Amino acid sequence: MQIHMLGRQPYAETEAAMRSFTAERTADTGDALWLVEHGPVFTQGVAGRDEHVLAAGGIPVVRTGRGGQVTFHGPGQVVAYPLVDLRRLGIYVKEYVFRLEAAVIATLADLGVTGHRARGAPGIYVRLADPFGHAVLAPAAADPLAGLGKIAALGIKVSRHCSYHGVALNVAMDLAPFECINPCGHAGLRTVDLRSLGVAADWPTTAGALALHLQRRLC
C-alpha cells in the first residue's frame, strides 16, 4: 500500500480523483492510502436527506456516492481515503468497516483517548463524561448514542470490490459547523475533536499514526 500525505486538497477534485483511480484500476493496480485535509464543506451520502442540513450558510453542500448521511469536513481534520481491492485482501464490506474503525480506535489509544463503536451508528465515539476511561459501554436500548460525542465519521463506497471514500478523524477543528447539521443523520448528536477533549495533537502526527494503523490492517 502506497501512502500519500497530500495535505490540504479541494474536496470536489479529490472525490473525482478517487472515482477515476477506482474506475481505471486493474487487478494489478496497487492499493493506496490518501491522507488529506479539506476546506470547509458539507458532504451528503447517497441516501442523504436535505432536512439534515439545518443551515449551511456559506458552506457548500456536495452530494457524493458514499454511504451515510451528512457530515462536515474542514481544516484540522484528518481525512483518510483507503483505495483498497477488498477481493484481493480477502474481506467483505462489514469486515472492512470494522478494520477502519479499529484503526481509528488504535490511533486514539495512542493519545490516551478511548474510542467506542455504537450500535447502528458507524464511526467512532467517546464517552463525554470520561473520554479517557476504559469501561465498556453499557447497552442503551432507548438511545445507543446517549452520553457520547462523535470524534470520527465513516462513509465508504465500494465499486467492483474496490473501496474509496473513507474515514475522518477530528483533531483540532472549528466545530461550529457541526451544529448546522444533524451529524450523520442524528439530531442533537454532539461532535468533538481531540482539542476539545484537552488532547494536544497536530495534523501531521495524527495523520501519520492513523496511516500506520490503517496500513497494518489493510495489507
N, C-alpha and C. Protein backbone atom coordinates (compact mmCIF):
# COMPACT_ATOMS: atom_id res chain seq x y z
N MET A 1 0.85 -1.20 0.00
CA MET A 1 0.00 0.00 0.00
C MET A 1 0.88 1.24 0.00
N GLN A 2 0.67 2.10 -0.98
CA GLN A 2 1.41 3.36 -1.05
C GLN A 2 0.66 4.42 -0.24
N ILE A 3 1.38 5.09 0.65
CA ILE A 3 0.78 6.14 1.48
C ILE A 3 1.15 7.50 0.91
N HIS A 4 0.14 8.33 0.70
CA HIS A 4 0.35 9.65 0.14
C HIS A 4 -0.18 10.69 1.12
N MET A 5 0.71 11.47 1.71
CA MET A 5 0.33 12.59 2.57
C MET A 5 0.12 13.80 1.68
N LEU A 6 -1.12 14.09 1.34
CA LEU A 6 -1.42 15.09 0.34
C LEU A 6 -1.73 16.47 0.91
N GLY A 7 -1.90 16.56 2.22
CA GLY A 7 -2.16 17.85 2.83
C GLY A 7 -3.49 18.45 2.41
N ARG A 8 -3.57 19.79 2.36
CA ARG A 8 -4.83 20.48 2.04
C ARG A 8 -5.18 20.28 0.57
N GLN A 9 -6.35 19.73 0.33
CA GLN A 9 -6.81 19.46 -1.02
C GLN A 9 -8.28 19.84 -1.15
N PRO A 10 -8.70 20.39 -2.31
CA PRO A 10 -10.13 20.67 -2.53
C PRO A 10 -10.93 19.38 -2.52
N TYR A 11 -12.12 19.41 -1.90
CA TYR A 11 -12.90 18.19 -1.77
C TYR A 11 -13.34 17.65 -3.13
N ALA A 12 -13.94 18.49 -3.96
CA ALA A 12 -14.52 18.01 -5.22
C ALA A 12 -13.48 17.36 -6.11
N GLU A 13 -12.30 17.98 -6.20
CA GLU A 13 -11.25 17.41 -7.04
C GLU A 13 -10.74 16.09 -6.48
N THR A 14 -10.66 16.01 -5.17
CA THR A 14 -10.19 14.76 -4.55
C THR A 14 -11.19 13.64 -4.78
N GLU A 15 -12.47 13.94 -4.61
CA GLU A 15 -13.51 12.93 -4.81
C GLU A 15 -13.50 12.44 -6.26
N ALA A 16 -13.33 13.35 -7.21
CA ALA A 16 -13.26 12.97 -8.61
C ALA A 16 -12.04 12.11 -8.89
N ALA A 17 -10.92 12.45 -8.26
CA ALA A 17 -9.69 11.66 -8.45
C ALA A 17 -9.84 10.25 -7.89
N MET A 18 -10.54 10.10 -6.76
CA MET A 18 -10.79 8.77 -6.22
C MET A 18 -11.64 7.93 -7.16
N ARG A 19 -12.67 8.56 -7.72
CA ARG A 19 -13.54 7.84 -8.66
C ARG A 19 -12.76 7.40 -9.89
N SER A 20 -11.91 8.28 -10.40
CA SER A 20 -11.11 7.94 -11.58
C SER A 20 -10.12 6.82 -11.28
N PHE A 21 -9.45 6.93 -10.14
CA PHE A 21 -8.50 5.89 -9.74
C PHE A 21 -9.19 4.54 -9.67
N THR A 22 -10.37 4.51 -9.06
CA THR A 22 -11.09 3.25 -8.87
C THR A 22 -11.62 2.71 -10.20
N ALA A 23 -12.11 3.58 -11.07
CA ALA A 23 -12.65 3.15 -12.35
C ALA A 23 -11.56 2.60 -13.28
N GLU A 24 -10.36 3.15 -13.15
CA GLU A 24 -9.28 2.79 -14.07
C GLU A 24 -8.39 1.67 -13.55
N ARG A 25 -8.52 1.30 -12.27
CA ARG A 25 -7.60 0.32 -11.73
C ARG A 25 -7.89 -1.07 -12.29
N THR A 26 -6.87 -1.89 -12.32
CA THR A 26 -6.98 -3.27 -12.77
C THR A 26 -6.62 -4.20 -11.62
N ALA A 27 -6.63 -5.49 -11.89
CA ALA A 27 -6.28 -6.47 -10.85
C ALA A 27 -4.84 -6.30 -10.38
N ASP A 28 -4.02 -5.64 -11.19
CA ASP A 28 -2.61 -5.45 -10.85
C ASP A 28 -2.32 -4.10 -10.19
N THR A 29 -3.32 -3.25 -10.10
CA THR A 29 -3.10 -1.92 -9.51
C THR A 29 -2.88 -2.04 -8.01
N GLY A 30 -1.83 -1.43 -7.52
CA GLY A 30 -1.56 -1.46 -6.09
C GLY A 30 -2.54 -0.61 -5.30
N ASP A 31 -2.73 -0.98 -4.05
CA ASP A 31 -3.60 -0.20 -3.18
C ASP A 31 -2.88 1.08 -2.75
N ALA A 32 -3.69 2.07 -2.38
CA ALA A 32 -3.14 3.36 -1.96
C ALA A 32 -3.93 3.89 -0.77
N LEU A 33 -3.30 4.78 -0.03
CA LEU A 33 -3.96 5.46 1.08
C LEU A 33 -3.64 6.94 0.96
N TRP A 34 -4.69 7.73 0.79
CA TRP A 34 -4.52 9.18 0.69
C TRP A 34 -4.91 9.81 2.02
N LEU A 35 -4.05 10.66 2.55
CA LEU A 35 -4.33 11.42 3.77
C LEU A 35 -4.44 12.89 3.38
N VAL A 36 -5.61 13.48 3.63
CA VAL A 36 -5.84 14.85 3.20
C VAL A 36 -6.51 15.67 4.30
N GLU A 37 -6.57 16.97 4.05
CA GLU A 37 -7.31 17.92 4.87
C GLU A 37 -8.09 18.79 3.90
N HIS A 38 -9.38 18.98 4.14
CA HIS A 38 -10.21 19.74 3.21
C HIS A 38 -10.56 21.11 3.79
N GLY A 39 -10.88 22.05 2.89
CA GLY A 39 -11.51 23.28 3.30
C GLY A 39 -12.93 23.00 3.72
N PRO A 40 -13.62 23.98 4.32
CA PRO A 40 -14.97 23.74 4.84
C PRO A 40 -15.94 23.28 3.76
N VAL A 41 -16.58 22.13 4.00
CA VAL A 41 -17.57 21.58 3.07
C VAL A 41 -18.45 20.59 3.81
N PHE A 42 -19.76 20.63 3.51
CA PHE A 42 -20.67 19.58 3.95
C PHE A 42 -20.78 18.57 2.83
N THR A 43 -20.75 17.29 3.16
CA THR A 43 -20.93 16.26 2.14
C THR A 43 -22.11 15.37 2.52
N GLN A 44 -22.92 15.07 1.51
CA GLN A 44 -24.09 14.23 1.68
C GLN A 44 -23.82 12.86 1.09
N GLY A 45 -24.20 11.80 1.81
CA GLY A 45 -24.13 10.46 1.27
C GLY A 45 -25.22 10.23 0.24
N VAL A 46 -25.16 9.07 -0.40
CA VAL A 46 -26.09 8.79 -1.50
C VAL A 46 -27.54 8.81 -1.04
N ALA A 47 -27.80 8.46 0.21
CA ALA A 47 -29.17 8.48 0.74
C ALA A 47 -29.39 9.68 1.65
N GLY A 48 -28.52 10.66 1.57
CA GLY A 48 -28.62 11.82 2.45
C GLY A 48 -29.90 12.60 2.26
N ARG A 49 -30.50 13.01 3.35
CA ARG A 49 -31.76 13.75 3.32
C ARG A 49 -31.50 15.23 3.57
N ASP A 50 -32.12 16.07 2.74
CA ASP A 50 -31.86 17.51 2.79
C ASP A 50 -32.20 18.10 4.15
N GLU A 51 -33.18 17.53 4.85
CA GLU A 51 -33.58 18.11 6.13
C GLU A 51 -32.51 17.97 7.21
N HIS A 52 -31.50 17.14 6.97
CA HIS A 52 -30.42 17.02 7.94
C HIS A 52 -29.41 18.17 7.83
N VAL A 53 -29.51 18.96 6.78
CA VAL A 53 -28.72 20.19 6.68
C VAL A 53 -29.60 21.31 7.20
N LEU A 54 -29.33 21.76 8.40
CA LEU A 54 -30.21 22.73 9.07
C LEU A 54 -29.98 24.15 8.58
N ALA A 55 -28.71 24.52 8.38
CA ALA A 55 -28.38 25.88 7.96
C ALA A 55 -26.96 25.89 7.42
N ALA A 56 -26.83 25.66 6.13
CA ALA A 56 -25.49 25.54 5.54
C ALA A 56 -24.76 26.87 5.51
N GLY A 57 -25.49 27.98 5.49
CA GLY A 57 -24.82 29.27 5.42
C GLY A 57 -24.01 29.36 4.13
N GLY A 58 -22.79 29.81 4.24
CA GLY A 58 -21.95 29.94 3.06
C GLY A 58 -21.09 28.72 2.78
N ILE A 59 -21.30 27.63 3.52
CA ILE A 59 -20.51 26.42 3.30
C ILE A 59 -21.17 25.57 2.22
N PRO A 60 -20.42 25.17 1.19
CA PRO A 60 -21.03 24.37 0.12
C PRO A 60 -21.48 23.00 0.62
N VAL A 61 -22.54 22.49 -0.01
CA VAL A 61 -23.03 21.14 0.25
C VAL A 61 -22.82 20.33 -1.01
N VAL A 62 -22.06 19.24 -0.90
CA VAL A 62 -21.71 18.43 -2.06
C VAL A 62 -22.30 17.03 -1.91
N ARG A 63 -23.04 16.59 -2.91
CA ARG A 63 -23.57 15.23 -2.90
C ARG A 63 -22.51 14.27 -3.43
N THR A 64 -22.40 13.11 -2.79
CA THR A 64 -21.38 12.14 -3.16
C THR A 64 -22.02 10.77 -3.30
N GLY A 65 -21.22 9.81 -3.75
CA GLY A 65 -21.71 8.44 -3.91
C GLY A 65 -21.43 7.55 -2.72
N ARG A 66 -20.90 8.11 -1.64
CA ARG A 66 -20.60 7.27 -0.47
C ARG A 66 -21.86 6.93 0.30
N GLY A 67 -21.75 6.02 1.23
CA GLY A 67 -22.86 5.72 2.12
C GLY A 67 -22.96 6.77 3.21
N GLY A 68 -24.05 6.70 3.97
CA GLY A 68 -24.22 7.59 5.10
C GLY A 68 -24.95 8.86 4.76
N GLN A 69 -25.10 9.70 5.79
CA GLN A 69 -25.84 10.95 5.67
C GLN A 69 -24.84 12.11 5.59
N VAL A 70 -25.20 13.25 6.16
CA VAL A 70 -24.37 14.44 6.02
C VAL A 70 -23.29 14.52 7.09
N THR A 71 -22.12 15.02 6.69
CA THR A 71 -21.06 15.31 7.64
C THR A 71 -20.35 16.58 7.19
N PHE A 72 -19.41 17.02 8.01
CA PHE A 72 -18.65 18.23 7.71
C PHE A 72 -17.18 17.90 7.65
N HIS A 73 -16.49 18.46 6.65
CA HIS A 73 -15.03 18.40 6.58
C HIS A 73 -14.49 19.81 6.68
N GLY A 74 -13.37 19.96 7.37
CA GLY A 74 -12.77 21.28 7.49
C GLY A 74 -11.34 21.19 7.98
N PRO A 75 -10.63 22.29 7.99
CA PRO A 75 -9.25 22.31 8.49
C PRO A 75 -9.16 21.76 9.91
N GLY A 76 -8.09 21.04 10.16
CA GLY A 76 -7.90 20.43 11.48
C GLY A 76 -8.50 19.05 11.60
N GLN A 77 -8.91 18.48 10.47
CA GLN A 77 -9.48 17.13 10.45
C GLN A 77 -8.62 16.26 9.54
N VAL A 78 -8.24 15.08 10.01
CA VAL A 78 -7.51 14.12 9.18
C VAL A 78 -8.52 13.25 8.43
N VAL A 79 -8.48 13.32 7.11
CA VAL A 79 -9.37 12.51 6.29
C VAL A 79 -8.53 11.45 5.58
N ALA A 80 -8.86 10.20 5.80
CA ALA A 80 -8.11 9.08 5.22
C ALA A 80 -8.97 8.38 4.18
N TYR A 81 -8.43 8.26 2.98
CA TYR A 81 -9.13 7.60 1.88
C TYR A 81 -8.35 6.34 1.48
N PRO A 82 -8.71 5.17 2.00
CA PRO A 82 -8.07 3.93 1.55
C PRO A 82 -8.67 3.49 0.21
N LEU A 83 -7.82 3.28 -0.76
CA LEU A 83 -8.23 2.81 -2.09
C LEU A 83 -7.75 1.37 -2.19
N VAL A 84 -8.63 0.45 -1.80
CA VAL A 84 -8.23 -0.93 -1.50
C VAL A 84 -9.06 -1.92 -2.33
N ASP A 85 -8.39 -2.93 -2.86
CA ASP A 85 -9.06 -4.03 -3.54
C ASP A 85 -9.46 -5.05 -2.47
N LEU A 86 -10.73 -5.04 -2.09
CA LEU A 86 -11.17 -5.90 -1.00
C LEU A 86 -11.12 -7.37 -1.38
N ARG A 87 -11.36 -7.67 -2.63
CA ARG A 87 -11.31 -9.08 -3.04
C ARG A 87 -9.89 -9.62 -2.91
N ARG A 88 -8.91 -8.82 -3.30
CA ARG A 88 -7.52 -9.25 -3.17
C ARG A 88 -7.14 -9.39 -1.70
N LEU A 89 -7.69 -8.51 -0.86
CA LEU A 89 -7.42 -8.58 0.57
C LEU A 89 -8.14 -9.76 1.22
N GLY A 90 -9.22 -10.23 0.56
CA GLY A 90 -9.95 -11.39 1.06
C GLY A 90 -10.97 -11.07 2.13
N ILE A 91 -11.54 -9.85 2.08
CA ILE A 91 -12.54 -9.47 3.08
C ILE A 91 -13.75 -8.86 2.40
N TYR A 92 -14.86 -8.81 3.15
CA TYR A 92 -16.08 -8.18 2.66
C TYR A 92 -16.27 -6.83 3.36
N VAL A 93 -17.33 -6.13 2.97
CA VAL A 93 -17.52 -4.75 3.41
C VAL A 93 -17.62 -4.65 4.93
N LYS A 94 -18.36 -5.55 5.56
CA LYS A 94 -18.53 -5.48 7.02
C LYS A 94 -17.19 -5.56 7.73
N GLU A 95 -16.34 -6.46 7.30
CA GLU A 95 -15.01 -6.60 7.91
C GLU A 95 -14.15 -5.37 7.60
N TYR A 96 -14.30 -4.84 6.40
CA TYR A 96 -13.55 -3.63 6.03
C TYR A 96 -13.90 -2.47 6.96
N VAL A 97 -15.18 -2.25 7.18
CA VAL A 97 -15.62 -1.18 8.07
C VAL A 97 -15.07 -1.41 9.48
N PHE A 98 -15.12 -2.66 9.94
CA PHE A 98 -14.61 -2.99 11.27
C PHE A 98 -13.13 -2.60 11.37
N ARG A 99 -12.35 -2.87 10.31
CA ARG A 99 -10.92 -2.57 10.35
C ARG A 99 -10.65 -1.06 10.30
N LEU A 100 -11.45 -0.32 9.55
CA LEU A 100 -11.31 1.13 9.55
C LEU A 100 -11.55 1.68 10.96
N GLU A 101 -12.63 1.21 11.58
CA GLU A 101 -12.94 1.68 12.93
C GLU A 101 -11.85 1.26 13.91
N ALA A 102 -11.32 0.06 13.75
CA ALA A 102 -10.26 -0.41 14.65
C ALA A 102 -9.01 0.46 14.54
N ALA A 103 -8.71 0.92 13.33
CA ALA A 103 -7.54 1.79 13.13
C ALA A 103 -7.73 3.13 13.84
N VAL A 104 -8.94 3.67 13.78
CA VAL A 104 -9.22 4.93 14.48
C VAL A 104 -9.12 4.72 15.99
N ILE A 105 -9.70 3.64 16.50
CA ILE A 105 -9.65 3.35 17.93
C ILE A 105 -8.19 3.23 18.40
N ALA A 106 -7.34 2.58 17.59
CA ALA A 106 -5.93 2.43 17.95
C ALA A 106 -5.21 3.77 17.92
N THR A 107 -5.55 4.63 16.96
CA THR A 107 -4.94 5.96 16.88
C THR A 107 -5.30 6.78 18.11
N LEU A 108 -6.57 6.73 18.50
CA LEU A 108 -7.00 7.44 19.71
C LEU A 108 -6.29 6.88 20.95
N ALA A 109 -6.15 5.57 21.01
CA ALA A 109 -5.49 4.95 22.16
C ALA A 109 -4.05 5.43 22.30
N ASP A 110 -3.39 5.68 21.17
CA ASP A 110 -2.03 6.22 21.23
C ASP A 110 -1.99 7.55 21.97
N LEU A 111 -3.11 8.26 21.96
CA LEU A 111 -3.20 9.58 22.58
C LEU A 111 -3.91 9.54 23.92
N GLY A 112 -4.20 8.34 24.41
CA GLY A 112 -4.83 8.18 25.70
C GLY A 112 -6.33 8.29 25.70
N VAL A 113 -6.95 8.37 24.53
CA VAL A 113 -8.40 8.51 24.41
C VAL A 113 -9.01 7.15 24.09
N THR A 114 -10.14 6.85 24.72
CA THR A 114 -10.82 5.58 24.48
C THR A 114 -11.96 5.79 23.49
N GLY A 115 -11.82 5.18 22.33
CA GLY A 115 -12.86 5.25 21.31
C GLY A 115 -13.81 4.08 21.41
N HIS A 116 -15.05 4.31 21.02
CA HIS A 116 -16.08 3.27 21.10
C HIS A 116 -16.85 3.19 19.79
N ARG A 117 -17.32 1.99 19.49
CA ARG A 117 -18.33 1.81 18.46
C ARG A 117 -19.70 1.93 19.11
N ALA A 118 -20.69 2.37 18.32
CA ALA A 118 -22.05 2.47 18.82
C ALA A 118 -22.97 1.69 17.89
N ARG A 119 -23.88 0.95 18.49
CA ARG A 119 -24.78 0.09 17.72
C ARG A 119 -25.59 0.90 16.71
N GLY A 120 -25.53 0.48 15.45
CA GLY A 120 -26.33 1.08 14.40
C GLY A 120 -25.88 2.45 13.95
N ALA A 121 -24.68 2.88 14.36
CA ALA A 121 -24.20 4.21 14.00
C ALA A 121 -22.71 4.14 13.67
N PRO A 122 -22.37 3.89 12.41
CA PRO A 122 -20.95 3.77 12.04
C PRO A 122 -20.15 5.01 12.45
N GLY A 123 -18.88 4.79 12.70
CA GLY A 123 -18.00 5.86 13.18
C GLY A 123 -17.48 5.52 14.55
N ILE A 124 -16.74 6.45 15.13
CA ILE A 124 -16.17 6.23 16.45
C ILE A 124 -16.57 7.37 17.39
N TYR A 125 -16.87 6.99 18.64
CA TYR A 125 -17.42 7.91 19.63
C TYR A 125 -16.57 7.86 20.89
N VAL A 126 -16.70 8.91 21.70
CA VAL A 126 -16.08 8.92 23.02
C VAL A 126 -17.16 9.17 24.06
N ARG A 127 -16.90 8.69 25.24
CA ARG A 127 -17.81 8.94 26.35
C ARG A 127 -17.55 10.36 26.85
N LEU A 128 -18.53 11.25 26.74
CA LEU A 128 -18.33 12.65 27.07
C LEU A 128 -17.93 12.85 28.52
N ALA A 129 -18.48 12.07 29.41
CA ALA A 129 -18.19 12.22 30.83
C ALA A 129 -16.81 11.70 31.21
N ASP A 130 -16.25 10.81 30.38
CA ASP A 130 -14.95 10.20 30.72
C ASP A 130 -14.30 9.67 29.45
N PRO A 131 -13.78 10.57 28.60
CA PRO A 131 -13.20 10.12 27.32
C PRO A 131 -11.93 9.31 27.47
N PHE A 132 -11.35 9.29 28.66
CA PHE A 132 -10.10 8.55 28.87
C PHE A 132 -10.31 7.25 29.65
N GLY A 133 -11.54 7.01 30.11
CA GLY A 133 -11.83 5.80 30.87
C GLY A 133 -11.93 4.59 29.95
N HIS A 134 -11.74 3.42 30.54
CA HIS A 134 -11.70 2.20 29.74
C HIS A 134 -12.91 1.29 29.96
N ALA A 135 -13.91 1.79 30.63
CA ALA A 135 -15.10 0.97 30.85
C ALA A 135 -15.81 0.71 29.53
N VAL A 136 -16.34 -0.50 29.39
CA VAL A 136 -17.11 -0.87 28.20
C VAL A 136 -18.44 -0.14 28.23
N LEU A 137 -18.91 0.30 27.06
CA LEU A 137 -20.20 0.97 27.01
C LEU A 137 -21.31 0.02 27.44
N ALA A 138 -22.17 0.50 28.30
CA ALA A 138 -23.34 -0.30 28.70
C ALA A 138 -24.39 -0.22 27.60
N PRO A 139 -25.09 -1.31 27.32
CA PRO A 139 -26.14 -1.27 26.31
C PRO A 139 -27.20 -0.22 26.67
N ALA A 140 -27.59 0.56 25.68
CA ALA A 140 -28.62 1.59 25.89
C ALA A 140 -29.75 1.32 24.91
N ALA A 141 -30.76 0.68 25.38
CA ALA A 141 -31.84 0.26 24.49
C ALA A 141 -32.54 1.44 23.84
N ALA A 142 -32.77 2.51 24.60
CA ALA A 142 -33.52 3.64 24.07
C ALA A 142 -32.69 4.47 23.10
N ASP A 143 -31.46 4.80 23.48
CA ASP A 143 -30.61 5.67 22.67
C ASP A 143 -29.16 5.23 22.81
N PRO A 144 -28.64 4.48 21.82
CA PRO A 144 -27.26 3.99 21.92
C PRO A 144 -26.22 5.10 21.87
N LEU A 145 -26.62 6.34 21.51
CA LEU A 145 -25.68 7.45 21.43
C LEU A 145 -25.75 8.37 22.65
N ALA A 146 -26.58 8.03 23.61
CA ALA A 146 -26.71 8.87 24.81
C ALA A 146 -25.37 8.98 25.54
N GLY A 147 -24.97 10.21 25.84
CA GLY A 147 -23.74 10.45 26.58
C GLY A 147 -22.47 10.35 25.74
N LEU A 148 -22.63 10.20 24.43
CA LEU A 148 -21.47 10.04 23.56
C LEU A 148 -21.28 11.27 22.68
N GLY A 149 -20.03 11.50 22.29
CA GLY A 149 -19.69 12.51 21.30
C GLY A 149 -18.98 11.83 20.14
N LYS A 150 -19.25 12.29 18.95
CA LYS A 150 -18.65 11.66 17.77
C LYS A 150 -17.33 12.34 17.44
N ILE A 151 -16.28 11.54 17.31
CA ILE A 151 -14.97 12.08 17.02
C ILE A 151 -14.46 11.66 15.64
N ALA A 152 -15.09 10.67 15.05
CA ALA A 152 -14.68 10.22 13.71
C ALA A 152 -15.89 9.74 12.94
N ALA A 153 -16.02 10.22 11.70
CA ALA A 153 -17.13 9.82 10.83
C ALA A 153 -16.60 8.87 9.76
N LEU A 154 -17.48 7.97 9.33
CA LEU A 154 -17.08 6.96 8.35
C LEU A 154 -18.14 6.87 7.26
N GLY A 155 -17.68 6.89 6.03
CA GLY A 155 -18.58 6.71 4.89
C GLY A 155 -17.79 6.17 3.72
N ILE A 156 -18.20 5.06 3.17
CA ILE A 156 -17.41 4.41 2.13
C ILE A 156 -18.26 4.14 0.89
N LYS A 157 -17.56 3.85 -0.19
CA LYS A 157 -18.17 3.39 -1.43
C LYS A 157 -17.32 2.23 -1.93
N VAL A 158 -17.97 1.17 -2.39
CA VAL A 158 -17.26 0.02 -2.97
C VAL A 158 -17.78 -0.20 -4.38
N SER A 159 -16.88 -0.21 -5.33
CA SER A 159 -17.21 -0.43 -6.74
C SER A 159 -16.30 -1.50 -7.29
N ARG A 160 -16.88 -2.54 -7.84
CA ARG A 160 -16.11 -3.68 -8.38
C ARG A 160 -15.12 -4.20 -7.33
N HIS A 161 -15.60 -4.31 -6.12
CA HIS A 161 -14.85 -4.84 -4.98
C HIS A 161 -13.74 -3.90 -4.50
N CYS A 162 -13.71 -2.67 -5.00
CA CYS A 162 -12.65 -1.73 -4.63
C CYS A 162 -13.25 -0.54 -3.87
N SER A 163 -12.59 -0.16 -2.80
CA SER A 163 -13.12 0.87 -1.91
C SER A 163 -12.59 2.25 -2.27
N TYR A 164 -13.43 3.24 -1.98
CA TYR A 164 -12.96 4.62 -1.92
C TYR A 164 -13.84 5.38 -0.93
N HIS A 165 -13.62 6.70 -0.79
CA HIS A 165 -14.08 7.46 0.37
C HIS A 165 -13.41 6.84 1.61
N GLY A 166 -13.89 7.11 2.82
CA GLY A 166 -13.16 6.58 3.97
C GLY A 166 -13.60 7.11 5.31
N VAL A 167 -12.63 7.64 6.08
CA VAL A 167 -12.89 7.98 7.47
C VAL A 167 -12.25 9.33 7.79
N ALA A 168 -12.92 10.12 8.64
CA ALA A 168 -12.44 11.44 9.01
C ALA A 168 -12.33 11.54 10.52
N LEU A 169 -11.15 11.88 11.01
CA LEU A 169 -10.88 11.98 12.45
C LEU A 169 -10.67 13.45 12.82
N ASN A 170 -11.44 13.93 13.79
CA ASN A 170 -11.39 15.33 14.19
C ASN A 170 -10.22 15.57 15.16
N VAL A 171 -9.32 16.45 14.76
CA VAL A 171 -8.13 16.72 15.56
C VAL A 171 -8.26 18.06 16.29
N ALA A 172 -8.24 19.15 15.53
CA ALA A 172 -8.35 20.49 16.14
C ALA A 172 -9.09 21.38 15.14
N MET A 173 -10.41 21.37 15.22
CA MET A 173 -11.28 21.99 14.22
C MET A 173 -12.08 23.15 14.80
N ASP A 174 -12.69 23.91 13.90
CA ASP A 174 -13.82 24.75 14.25
C ASP A 174 -15.04 23.82 14.21
N LEU A 175 -15.58 23.51 15.38
CA LEU A 175 -16.67 22.55 15.47
C LEU A 175 -18.04 23.18 15.23
N ALA A 176 -18.11 24.50 15.12
CA ALA A 176 -19.40 25.17 14.99
C ALA A 176 -20.23 24.67 13.80
N PRO A 177 -19.62 24.39 12.63
CA PRO A 177 -20.45 23.92 11.51
C PRO A 177 -21.21 22.63 11.78
N PHE A 178 -20.71 21.81 12.69
CA PHE A 178 -21.44 20.58 13.01
C PHE A 178 -22.80 20.88 13.64
N GLU A 179 -22.92 22.07 14.24
CA GLU A 179 -24.19 22.46 14.84
C GLU A 179 -25.21 22.88 13.78
N CYS A 180 -24.76 23.01 12.54
CA CYS A 180 -25.64 23.39 11.43
C CYS A 180 -26.22 22.19 10.70
N ILE A 181 -25.90 20.99 11.18
CA ILE A 181 -26.40 19.76 10.57
C ILE A 181 -26.81 18.79 11.68
N ASN A 182 -27.52 17.75 11.27
CA ASN A 182 -27.71 16.58 12.12
C ASN A 182 -26.60 15.61 11.74
N PRO A 183 -25.50 15.57 12.48
CA PRO A 183 -24.33 14.80 12.05
C PRO A 183 -24.68 13.34 11.76
N CYS A 184 -24.40 12.93 10.53
CA CYS A 184 -24.68 11.56 10.10
C CYS A 184 -26.15 11.19 10.30
N GLY A 185 -27.02 12.21 10.29
CA GLY A 185 -28.45 11.98 10.40
C GLY A 185 -28.99 11.88 11.81
N HIS A 186 -28.16 12.18 12.83
CA HIS A 186 -28.58 12.04 14.23
C HIS A 186 -28.79 13.42 14.84
N ALA A 187 -30.03 13.81 15.02
CA ALA A 187 -30.35 15.12 15.58
C ALA A 187 -29.81 15.23 17.01
N GLY A 188 -29.14 16.35 17.29
CA GLY A 188 -28.64 16.60 18.63
C GLY A 188 -27.35 15.89 18.98
N LEU A 189 -26.79 15.13 18.06
CA LEU A 189 -25.54 14.43 18.36
C LEU A 189 -24.41 15.44 18.47
N ARG A 190 -23.68 15.38 19.55
CA ARG A 190 -22.54 16.29 19.74
C ARG A 190 -21.32 15.75 19.02
N THR A 191 -20.60 16.66 18.38
CA THR A 191 -19.34 16.30 17.72
C THR A 191 -18.19 16.91 18.51
N VAL A 192 -17.13 16.13 18.67
CA VAL A 192 -15.96 16.60 19.43
C VAL A 192 -14.70 16.40 18.59
N ASP A 193 -13.63 17.02 19.05
CA ASP A 193 -12.31 16.76 18.46
C ASP A 193 -11.32 16.53 19.60
N LEU A 194 -10.10 16.19 19.24
CA LEU A 194 -9.10 15.93 20.28
C LEU A 194 -8.85 17.17 21.13
N ARG A 195 -8.83 18.33 20.49
CA ARG A 195 -8.57 19.57 21.24
C ARG A 195 -9.65 19.82 22.28
N SER A 196 -10.91 19.59 21.93
CA SER A 196 -11.99 19.83 22.89
C SER A 196 -11.95 18.84 24.05
N LEU A 197 -11.25 17.73 23.86
CA LEU A 197 -11.06 16.75 24.95
C LEU A 197 -9.83 17.07 25.79
N GLY A 198 -9.12 18.12 25.41
CA GLY A 198 -7.92 18.50 26.15
C GLY A 198 -6.67 17.81 25.69
N VAL A 199 -6.71 17.21 24.50
CA VAL A 199 -5.56 16.48 23.96
C VAL A 199 -4.86 17.36 22.93
N ALA A 200 -3.58 17.63 23.14
CA ALA A 200 -2.80 18.42 22.20
C ALA A 200 -2.23 17.49 21.14
N ALA A 201 -2.72 17.63 19.91
CA ALA A 201 -2.25 16.81 18.80
C ALA A 201 -2.27 17.66 17.55
N ASP A 202 -1.30 17.44 16.66
CA ASP A 202 -1.28 18.20 15.41
C ASP A 202 -1.66 17.29 14.25
N TRP A 203 -1.93 17.91 13.10
CA TRP A 203 -2.38 17.16 11.93
C TRP A 203 -1.33 16.16 11.44
N PRO A 204 -0.08 16.57 11.22
CA PRO A 204 0.89 15.61 10.67
C PRO A 204 1.09 14.37 11.55
N THR A 205 1.19 14.59 12.86
CA THR A 205 1.43 13.46 13.76
C THR A 205 0.23 12.52 13.78
N THR A 206 -0.97 13.08 13.86
CA THR A 206 -2.18 12.25 13.90
C THR A 206 -2.39 11.54 12.57
N ALA A 207 -2.14 12.23 11.47
CA ALA A 207 -2.27 11.59 10.16
C ALA A 207 -1.29 10.44 10.01
N GLY A 208 -0.07 10.64 10.48
CA GLY A 208 0.92 9.57 10.39
C GLY A 208 0.54 8.35 11.21
N ALA A 209 0.00 8.59 12.42
CA ALA A 209 -0.42 7.47 13.26
C ALA A 209 -1.59 6.72 12.65
N LEU A 210 -2.58 7.47 12.14
CA LEU A 210 -3.73 6.82 11.51
C LEU A 210 -3.30 6.03 10.28
N ALA A 211 -2.40 6.59 9.49
CA ALA A 211 -1.91 5.88 8.31
C ALA A 211 -1.25 4.57 8.69
N LEU A 212 -0.44 4.59 9.74
CA LEU A 212 0.24 3.38 10.19
C LEU A 212 -0.76 2.32 10.62
N HIS A 213 -1.77 2.71 11.40
CA HIS A 213 -2.75 1.74 11.88
C HIS A 213 -3.62 1.21 10.74
N LEU A 214 -3.94 2.04 9.76
CA LEU A 214 -4.71 1.56 8.60
C LEU A 214 -3.86 0.61 7.77
N GLN A 215 -2.61 0.96 7.55
CA GLN A 215 -1.73 0.09 6.77
C GLN A 215 -1.59 -1.29 7.39
N ARG A 216 -1.48 -1.34 8.72
CA ARG A 216 -1.35 -2.63 9.40
C ARG A 216 -2.56 -3.51 9.21
N ARG A 217 -3.73 -2.90 9.06
CA ARG A 217 -4.99 -3.66 8.98
C ARG A 217 -5.46 -3.90 7.56
N LEU A 218 -4.83 -3.25 6.59
CA LEU A 218 -5.34 -3.35 5.22
C LEU A 218 -4.30 -3.89 4.25
N CYS A 219 -3.24 -4.46 4.77
CA CYS A 219 -2.21 -5.05 3.91
C CYS A 219 -2.08 -6.55 4.17
